[in-house]
Amino acid sequence: MWNRRAAGAAVALALAATCQGCFLSGLFGGTGSRIDLHRKRLVVLPFATPNRPRFESAVGARFSKEVAELVRDGCPSATVLEAEELPEEIDGNPIAELSVMELADGLKADYLVVGEILVLRGKDPKSFKVLHGTMVLSARVVDVAKAEIAWKTERRTYHYPELLGGEPLPATEQDETDVIKKVMREAAWGVAEVFRGPRDPDEGKYIR
């Protein structure tokens, strides 16, 4: 039987590691295949934000919900839990005080999604009135049974609308909140595709 304490420490070290100036995408091993959630249990933890830890971030909880909705839609046989469905305590211990592996045990998860929202805005700080959504995130998928990181991406940037020739296009929306919601949806697709596979180029584009 594997040593859960040692495995948890290994996962914690992997989660803490950062990739300076690079972008990692795809599964380890280079297979490029998706993670099969058939009859599996996935927990999408709320994402941390620059000024809030994961269990105190309303924005991170909202993003958890976005990812979970897309995964449920594409993986109907899976059980997917989002931030709002998590208990406040597990075995009398506040959920915010538990390690990743303790959370996995307590929630009976096969996989966990853990991450941070690094940037989220509806317009460039230098622009005046011109709206364009940008979201930068890092995310990891923990394979609980193997006690390892199955997939990760570091500092990946999403845009709404998409860039044209590397240049940002102005959004047609007049409300910055709407633009933020749509760039969050694009980022949620980036995580959900790990489980449900690539979407059709026009599937779900900017529907929120």
C-alpha atoms as a PDB file:
ATOM      1  CA  MET A   1       0.000   0.000   0.000  1.00  0.00           C
ATOM      2  CA  TRP A   2       1.468   3.324  -1.027  1.00  0.00           C
ATOM      3  CA  ASN A   3       2.444   5.897   1.552  1.00  0.00           C
ATOM      4  CA  ARG A   4      -0.282   8.546   1.364  1.00  0.00           C
ATOM      5  CA  ARG A   5       1.717  11.085   3.348  1.00  0.00           C
ATOM      6  CA  ALA A   6       4.682  10.810   0.999  1.00  0.00           C
ATOM      7  CA  ALA A   7       2.416  10.822  -2.048  1.00  0.00           C
ATOM      8  CA  GLY A   8       0.586  13.886  -0.761  1.00  0.00           C
ATOM      9  CA  ALA A   9       3.903  15.663  -0.245  1.00  0.00           C
ATOM     10  CA  ALA A  10       4.929  14.813  -3.797  1.00  0.00           C
ATOM     11  CA  VAL A  11       1.690  16.195  -5.173  1.00  0.00           C
ATOM     12  CA  ALA A  12       2.056  19.319  -3.043  1.00  0.00           C
ATOM     13  CA  LEU A  13       5.553  19.903  -4.418  1.00  0.00           C
ATOM     14  CA  ALA A  14       4.324  19.408  -7.971  1.00  0.00           C
ATOM     15  CA  LEU A  15       1.450  21.830  -7.421  1.00  0.00           C
ATOM     16  CA  ALA A  16       3.816  24.401  -5.971  1.00  0.00           C
ATOM     17  CA  ALA A  17       6.262  24.152  -8.865  1.00  0.00           C
ATOM     18  CA  THR A  18       6.027  26.898 -11.472  1.00  0.00           C
ATOM     19  CA  CYS A  19       7.230  27.079 -15.041  1.00  0.00           C
ATOM     20  CA  GLN A  20       9.077  30.357 -15.564  1.00  0.00           C
ATOM     21  CA  GLY A  21       8.287  31.901 -18.935  1.00  0.00           C
ATOM     22  CA  CYS A  22       6.862  28.806 -20.596  1.00  0.00           C
ATOM     23  CA  PHE A  23       3.497  27.269 -21.419  1.00  0.00           C
ATOM     24  CA  LEU A  24       2.911  23.567 -20.798  1.00  0.00           C
ATOM     25  CA  SER A  25      -0.083  21.970 -22.421  1.00  0.00           C
ATOM     26  CA  GLY A  26      -1.250  18.396 -22.918  1.00  0.00           C
ATOM     27  CA  LEU A  27      -0.889  15.226 -20.916  1.00  0.00           C
ATOM     28  CA  PHE A  28       2.430  14.062 -19.543  1.00  0.00           C
ATOM     29  CA  GLY A  29       3.813  11.358 -21.778  1.00  0.00           C
ATOM     30  CA  GLY A  30       2.935  13.234 -24.939  1.00  0.00           C
ATOM     31  CA  THR A  31      -0.078  11.127 -25.835  1.00  0.00           C
ATOM     32  CA  GLY A  32      -2.363  14.116 -26.341  1.00  0.00           C
ATOM     33  CA  SER A  33      -5.339  11.957 -25.357  1.00  0.00           C
ATOM     34  CA  ARG A  34      -8.056  13.168 -23.018  1.00  0.00           C
ATOM     35  CA  ILE A  35      -8.562  12.018 -19.437  1.00  0.00           C
ATOM     36  CA  ASP A  36     -11.349   9.436 -19.395  1.00  0.00           C
ATOM     37  CA  LEU A  37     -14.009  10.273 -16.800  1.00  0.00           C
ATOM     38  CA  HIS A  38     -16.350   7.384 -17.549  1.00  0.00           C
ATOM     39  CA  ARG A  39     -18.004   6.539 -14.204  1.00  0.00           C
ATOM     40  CA  LYS A  40     -15.359   8.609 -12.424  1.00  0.00           C
ATOM     41  CA  ARG A  41     -15.732  11.379  -9.837  1.00  0.00           C
ATOM     42  CA  LEU A  42     -14.204  14.772 -10.601  1.00  0.00           C
ATOM     43  CA  VAL A  43     -14.011  17.643  -8.126  1.00  0.00           C
ATOM     44  CA  VAL A  44     -13.367  21.114  -9.565  1.00  0.00           C
ATOM     45  CA  LEU A  45     -12.038  23.135  -6.650  1.00  0.00           C
ATOM     46  CA  PRO A  46     -12.582  26.896  -6.641  1.00  0.00           C
ATOM     47  CA  PHE A  47      -9.630  28.682  -8.210  1.00  0.00           C
ATOM     48  CA  ALA A  48      -7.496  31.017  -6.141  1.00  0.00           C
ATOM     49  CA  THR A  49      -7.203  34.658  -7.220  1.00  0.00           C
ATOM     50  CA  PRO A  50      -4.380  37.145  -6.547  1.00  0.00           C
ATOM     51  CA  ASN A  51      -5.931  38.468  -3.340  1.00  0.00           C
ATOM     52  CA  ARG A  52      -8.029  35.480  -2.254  1.00  0.00           C
ATOM     53  CA  PRO A  53      -7.256  31.826  -1.437  1.00  0.00           C
ATOM     54  CA  ARG A  54      -9.362  29.284  -3.267  1.00  0.00           C
ATOM     55  CA  PHE A  55     -12.080  28.861  -0.663  1.00  0.00           C
ATOM     56  CA  GLU A  56     -12.559  32.605  -0.198  1.00  0.00           C
ATOM     57  CA  SER A  57     -12.746  33.663  -3.843  1.00  0.00           C
ATOM     58  CA  ALA A  58     -16.201  34.297  -5.303  1.00  0.00           C
ATOM     59  CA  VAL A  59     -14.618  34.643  -8.747  1.00  0.00           C
ATOM     60  CA  GLY A  60     -12.796  31.338  -8.295  1.00  0.00           C
ATOM     61  CA  ALA A  61     -16.036  29.636  -7.246  1.00  0.00           C
ATOM     62  CA  ARG A  62     -17.793  31.008 -10.318  1.00  0.00           C
ATOM     63  CA  PHE A  63     -15.035  29.661 -12.554  1.00  0.00           C
ATOM     64  CA  SER A  64     -15.321  26.246 -10.888  1.00  0.00           C
ATOM     65  CA  LYS A  65     -18.991  26.240 -11.845  1.00  0.00           C
ATOM     66  CA  GLU A  66     -18.206  27.170 -15.468  1.00  0.00           C
ATOM     67  CA  VAL A  67     -15.717  24.316 -15.821  1.00  0.00           C
ATOM     68  CA  ALA A  68     -18.004  21.800 -14.102  1.00  0.00           C
ATOM     69  CA  GLU A  69     -20.965  22.660 -16.339  1.00  0.00           C
ATOM     70  CA  LEU A  70     -18.937  22.058 -19.488  1.00  0.00           C
ATOM     71  CA  VAL A  71     -17.484  18.782 -18.204  1.00  0.00           C
ATOM     72  CA  ARG A  72     -20.915  17.482 -17.160  1.00  0.00           C
ATOM     73  CA  ASP A  73     -22.297  18.304 -20.585  1.00  0.00           C
ATOM     74  CA  GLY A  74     -19.515  16.427 -22.374  1.00  0.00           C
ATOM     75  CA  CYS A  75     -19.068  13.551 -19.879  1.00  0.00           C
ATOM     76  CA  PRO A  76     -22.594  12.507 -18.828  1.00  0.00           C
ATOM     77  CA  SER A  77     -21.484   9.306 -17.041  1.00  0.00           C
ATOM     78  CA  ALA A  78     -19.138  11.219 -14.720  1.00  0.00           C
ATOM     79  CA  THR A  79     -19.959  12.697 -11.332  1.00  0.00           C
ATOM     80  CA  VAL A  80     -18.706  16.288 -11.263  1.00  0.00           C
ATOM     81  CA  LEU A  81     -18.697  18.471  -8.164  1.00  0.00           C
ATOM     82  CA  GLU A  82     -18.169  22.240  -8.244  1.00  0.00           C
ATOM     83  CA  ALA A  83     -17.349  24.806  -5.557  1.00  0.00           C
ATOM     84  CA  GLU A  84     -20.940  25.432  -4.421  1.00  0.00           C
ATOM     85  CA  GLU A  85     -21.496  21.717  -3.846  1.00  0.00           C
ATOM     86  CA  LEU A  86     -18.569  21.196  -1.500  1.00  0.00           C
ATOM     87  CA  PRO A  87     -19.118  20.860   2.262  1.00  0.00           C
ATOM     88  CA  GLU A  88     -17.723  23.427   4.670  1.00  0.00           C
ATOM     89  CA  GLU A  89     -16.119  20.674   6.742  1.00  0.00           C
ATOM     90  CA  ILE A  90     -14.878  17.124   6.263  1.00  0.00           C
ATOM     91  CA  ASP A  91     -14.783  14.935   9.385  1.00  0.00           C
ATOM     92  CA  GLY A  92     -15.044  18.070  11.511  1.00  0.00           C
ATOM     93  CA  ASN A  93     -12.129  19.812   9.787  1.00  0.00           C
ATOM     94  CA  PRO A  94     -12.678  23.069   7.842  1.00  0.00           C
ATOM     95  CA  ILE A  95     -12.263  22.288   4.166  1.00  0.00           C
ATOM     96  CA  ALA A  96      -9.928  25.249   3.670  1.00  0.00           C
ATOM     97  CA  GLU A  97      -7.409  23.724   6.098  1.00  0.00           C
ATOM     98  CA  LEU A  98      -7.098  20.372   4.307  1.00  0.00           C
ATOM     99  CA  SER A  99      -4.359  19.390   1.879  1.00  0.00           C
ATOM    100  CA  VAL A 100      -5.138  18.425  -1.691  1.00  0.00           C
ATOM    101  CA  MET A 101      -4.875  14.715  -0.940  1.00  0.00           C
ATOM    102  CA  GLU A 102      -6.989  15.068   2.211  1.00  0.00           C
ATOM    103  CA  LEU A 103      -9.626  16.814   0.109  1.00  0.00           C
ATOM    104  CA  ALA A 104      -9.448  14.030  -2.449  1.00  0.00           C
ATOM    105  CA  ASP A 105      -9.936  11.397   0.257  1.00  0.00           C
ATOM    106  CA  GLY A 106     -12.765  13.223   1.982  1.00  0.00           C
ATOM    107  CA  LEU A 107     -14.619  13.983  -1.238  1.00  0.00           C
ATOM    108  CA  LYS A 108     -13.965  10.508  -2.693  1.00  0.00           C
ATOM    109  CA  ALA A 109     -12.558  12.062  -5.844  1.00  0.00           C
ATOM    110  CA  ASP A 110     -10.846  10.226  -8.677  1.00  0.00           C
ATOM    111  CA  TYR A 111      -9.550  13.504 -10.086  1.00  0.00           C
ATOM    112  CA  LEU A 112      -9.191  17.041  -8.771  1.00  0.00           C
ATOM    113  CA  VAL A 113      -8.883  20.271 -10.737  1.00  0.00           C
ATOM    114  CA  VAL A 114      -6.756  22.834  -8.886  1.00  0.00           C
ATOM    115  CA  GLY A 115      -5.732  26.234 -10.171  1.00  0.00           C
ATOM    116  CA  GLU A 116      -5.246  29.974  -9.948  1.00  0.00           C
ATOM    117  CA  ILE A 117      -6.696  32.880 -11.900  1.00  0.00           C
ATOM    118  CA  LEU A 118      -3.761  35.246 -12.352  1.00  0.00           C
ATOM    119  CA  VAL A 119      -5.385  37.975 -14.463  1.00  0.00           C
ATOM    120  CA  LEU A 120      -9.042  38.688 -15.238  1.00  0.00           C
ATOM    121  CA  ARG A 121     -10.167  41.919 -16.848  1.00  0.00           C
ATOM    122  CA  GLY A 122     -12.682  43.277 -19.314  1.00  0.00           C
ATOM    123  CA  LYS A 123     -10.408  45.926 -20.821  1.00  0.00           C
ATOM    124  CA  ASP A 124      -6.764  46.818 -21.075  1.00  0.00           C
ATOM    125  CA  PRO A 125      -5.750  49.232 -18.317  1.00  0.00           C
ATOM    126  CA  LYS A 126      -4.308  51.570 -20.981  1.00  0.00           C
ATOM    127  CA  SER A 127      -7.481  51.646 -23.063  1.00  0.00           C
ATOM    128  CA  PHE A 128     -10.328  54.085 -22.645  1.00  0.00           C
ATOM    129  CA  LYS A 129     -13.806  52.600 -22.970  1.00  0.00           C
ATOM    130  CA  VAL A 130     -12.640  49.896 -25.431  1.00  0.00           C
ATOM    131  CA  LEU A 131     -13.607  46.507 -23.992  1.00  0.00           C
ATOM    132  CA  HIS A 132     -11.592  43.350 -24.583  1.00  0.00           C
ATOM    133  CA  GLY A 133     -11.544  40.398 -22.190  1.00  0.00           C
ATOM    134  CA  THR A 134      -8.301  38.809 -20.981  1.00  0.00           C
ATOM    135  CA  MET A 135      -7.882  35.921 -18.570  1.00  0.00           C
ATOM    136  CA  VAL A 136      -4.633  34.257 -17.521  1.00  0.00           C
ATOM    137  CA  LEU A 137      -4.712  31.057 -15.498  1.00  0.00           C
ATOM    138  CA  SER A 138      -2.681  28.122 -14.309  1.00  0.00           C
ATOM    139  CA  ALA A 139      -4.377  24.765 -13.726  1.00  0.00           C
ATOM    140  CA  ARG A 140      -3.536  21.194 -12.789  1.00  0.00           C
ATOM    141  CA  VAL A 141      -5.453  17.928 -12.818  1.00  0.00           C
ATOM    142  CA  VAL A 142      -4.513  15.558 -10.000  1.00  0.00           C
ATOM    143  CA  ASP A 143      -4.912  11.827 -10.611  1.00  0.00           C
ATOM    144  CA  VAL A 144      -5.746  10.718  -7.074  1.00  0.00           C
ATOM    145  CA  ALA A 145      -5.123   6.992  -7.499  1.00  0.00           C
ATOM    146  CA  LYS A 146      -1.630   7.619  -8.887  1.00  0.00           C
ATOM    147  CA  ALA A 147      -0.997  10.634  -6.639  1.00  0.00           C
ATOM    148  CA  GLU A 148       0.435  12.588  -9.533  1.00  0.00           C
ATOM    149  CA  ILE A 149      -0.275  15.530 -11.799  1.00  0.00           C
ATOM    150  CA  ALA A 150      -1.988  14.138 -14.908  1.00  0.00           C
ATOM    151  CA  TRP A 151      -2.152  17.455 -16.796  1.00  0.00           C
ATOM    152  CA  LYS A 152      -1.159  21.042 -16.266  1.00  0.00           C
ATOM    153  CA  THR A 153      -0.960  24.389 -17.960  1.00  0.00           C
ATOM    154  CA  GLU A 154       0.919  27.430 -16.700  1.00  0.00           C
ATOM    155  CA  ARG A 155      -0.015  31.059 -17.282  1.00  0.00           C
ATOM    156  CA  ARG A 156      -2.197  30.377 -20.295  1.00  0.00           C
ATOM    157  CA  THR A 157      -3.913  33.455 -21.717  1.00  0.00           C
ATOM    158  CA  TYR A 158      -7.451  33.556 -23.132  1.00  0.00           C
ATOM    159  CA  HIS A 159      -9.095  36.414 -24.988  1.00  0.00           C
ATOM    160  CA  TYR A 160     -12.571  37.570 -25.864  1.00  0.00           C
ATOM    161  CA  PRO A 161     -12.924  38.333 -28.704  1.00  0.00           C
ATOM    162  CA  GLU A 162     -10.117  36.232 -30.159  1.00  0.00           C
ATOM    163  CA  LEU A 163      -7.000  38.019 -31.334  1.00  0.00           C
ATOM    164  CA  LEU A 164      -6.714  38.876 -35.007  1.00  0.00           C
ATOM    165  CA  GLY A 165      -3.151  38.711 -36.253  1.00  0.00           C
ATOM    166  CA  GLY A 166      -1.996  38.941 -32.671  1.00  0.00           C
ATOM    167  CA  GLU A 167      -3.944  42.144 -32.103  1.00  0.00           C
ATOM    168  CA  PRO A 168      -6.932  42.462 -29.733  1.00  0.00           C
ATOM    169  CA  LEU A 169     -10.328  43.181 -31.230  1.00  0.00           C
ATOM    170  CA  PRO A 170     -12.849  45.349 -29.372  1.00  0.00           C
ATOM    171  CA  ALA A 171     -15.872  43.535 -27.956  1.00  0.00           C
ATOM    172  CA  THR A 172     -19.284  44.516 -29.257  1.00  0.00           C
ATOM    173  CA  GLU A 173     -20.731  44.377 -25.737  1.00  0.00           C
ATOM    174  CA  GLN A 174     -21.120  47.624 -23.839  1.00  0.00           C
ATOM    175  CA  ASP A 175     -21.029  46.059 -20.364  1.00  0.00           C
ATOM    176  CA  GLU A 176     -17.616  45.065 -18.985  1.00  0.00           C
ATOM    177  CA  THR A 177     -19.244  42.381 -16.807  1.00  0.00           C
ATOM    178  CA  ASP A 178     -20.576  40.623 -19.917  1.00  0.00           C
ATOM    179  CA  VAL A 179     -17.119  40.647 -21.474  1.00  0.00           C
ATOM    180  CA  ILE A 180     -15.584  39.158 -18.329  1.00  0.00           C
ATOM    181  CA  LYS A 181     -18.200  36.392 -18.272  1.00  0.00           C
ATOM    182  CA  LYS A 182     -17.403  35.475 -21.857  1.00  0.00           C
ATOM    183  CA  VAL A 183     -13.655  35.367 -21.449  1.00  0.00           C
ATOM    184  CA  MET A 184     -14.180  33.192 -18.359  1.00  0.00           C
ATOM    185  CA  ARG A 185     -16.239  30.827 -20.485  1.00  0.00           C
ATOM    186  CA  GLU A 186     -13.436  30.600 -23.025  1.00  0.00           C
ATOM    187  CA  ALA A 187     -10.952  29.755 -20.275  1.00  0.00           C
ATOM    188  CA  ALA A 188     -13.359  27.171 -18.841  1.00  0.00           C
ATOM    189  CA  TRP A 189     -13.417  25.459 -22.229  1.00  0.00           C
ATOM    190  CA  GLY A 190      -9.625  25.250 -22.082  1.00  0.00           C
ATOM    191  CA  VAL A 191      -9.847  23.155 -18.902  1.00  0.00           C
ATOM    192  CA  ALA A 192     -12.976  21.176 -19.813  1.00  0.00           C
ATOM    193  CA  GLU A 193     -11.469  19.987 -23.106  1.00  0.00           C
ATOM    194  CA  VAL A 194      -8.959  17.939 -21.104  1.00  0.00           C
ATOM    195  CA  PHE A 195     -11.867  15.641 -20.181  1.00  0.00           C
ATOM    196  CA  ARG A 196     -14.388  15.978 -22.995  1.00  0.00           C
ATOM    197  CA  GLY A 197     -11.982  16.371 -25.910  1.00  0.00           C
ATOM    198  CA  PRO A 198     -11.601  19.232 -28.391  1.00  0.00           C
ATOM    199  CA  ARG A 199     -14.759  21.133 -29.214  1.00  0.00           C
ATOM    200  CA  ASP A 200     -15.992  21.865 -32.668  1.00  0.00           C
ATOM    201  CA  PRO A 201     -14.549  25.233 -33.757  1.00  0.00           C
ATOM    202  CA  ASP A 202     -17.997  26.814 -33.523  1.00  0.00           C
ATOM    203  CA  GLU A 203     -19.319  24.885 -30.514  1.00  0.00           C
ATOM    204  CA  GLY A 204     -20.293  27.058 -27.618  1.00  0.00           C
ATOM    205  CA  LYS A 205     -18.419  30.077 -28.916  1.00  0.00           C
ATOM    206  CA  TYR A 206     -19.217  33.087 -26.809  1.00  0.00           C
ATOM    207  CA  ILE A 207     -22.630  31.783 -25.788  1.00  0.00           C
ATOM    208  CA  ARG A 208     -22.455  33.566 -22.436  1.00  0.00           C
END
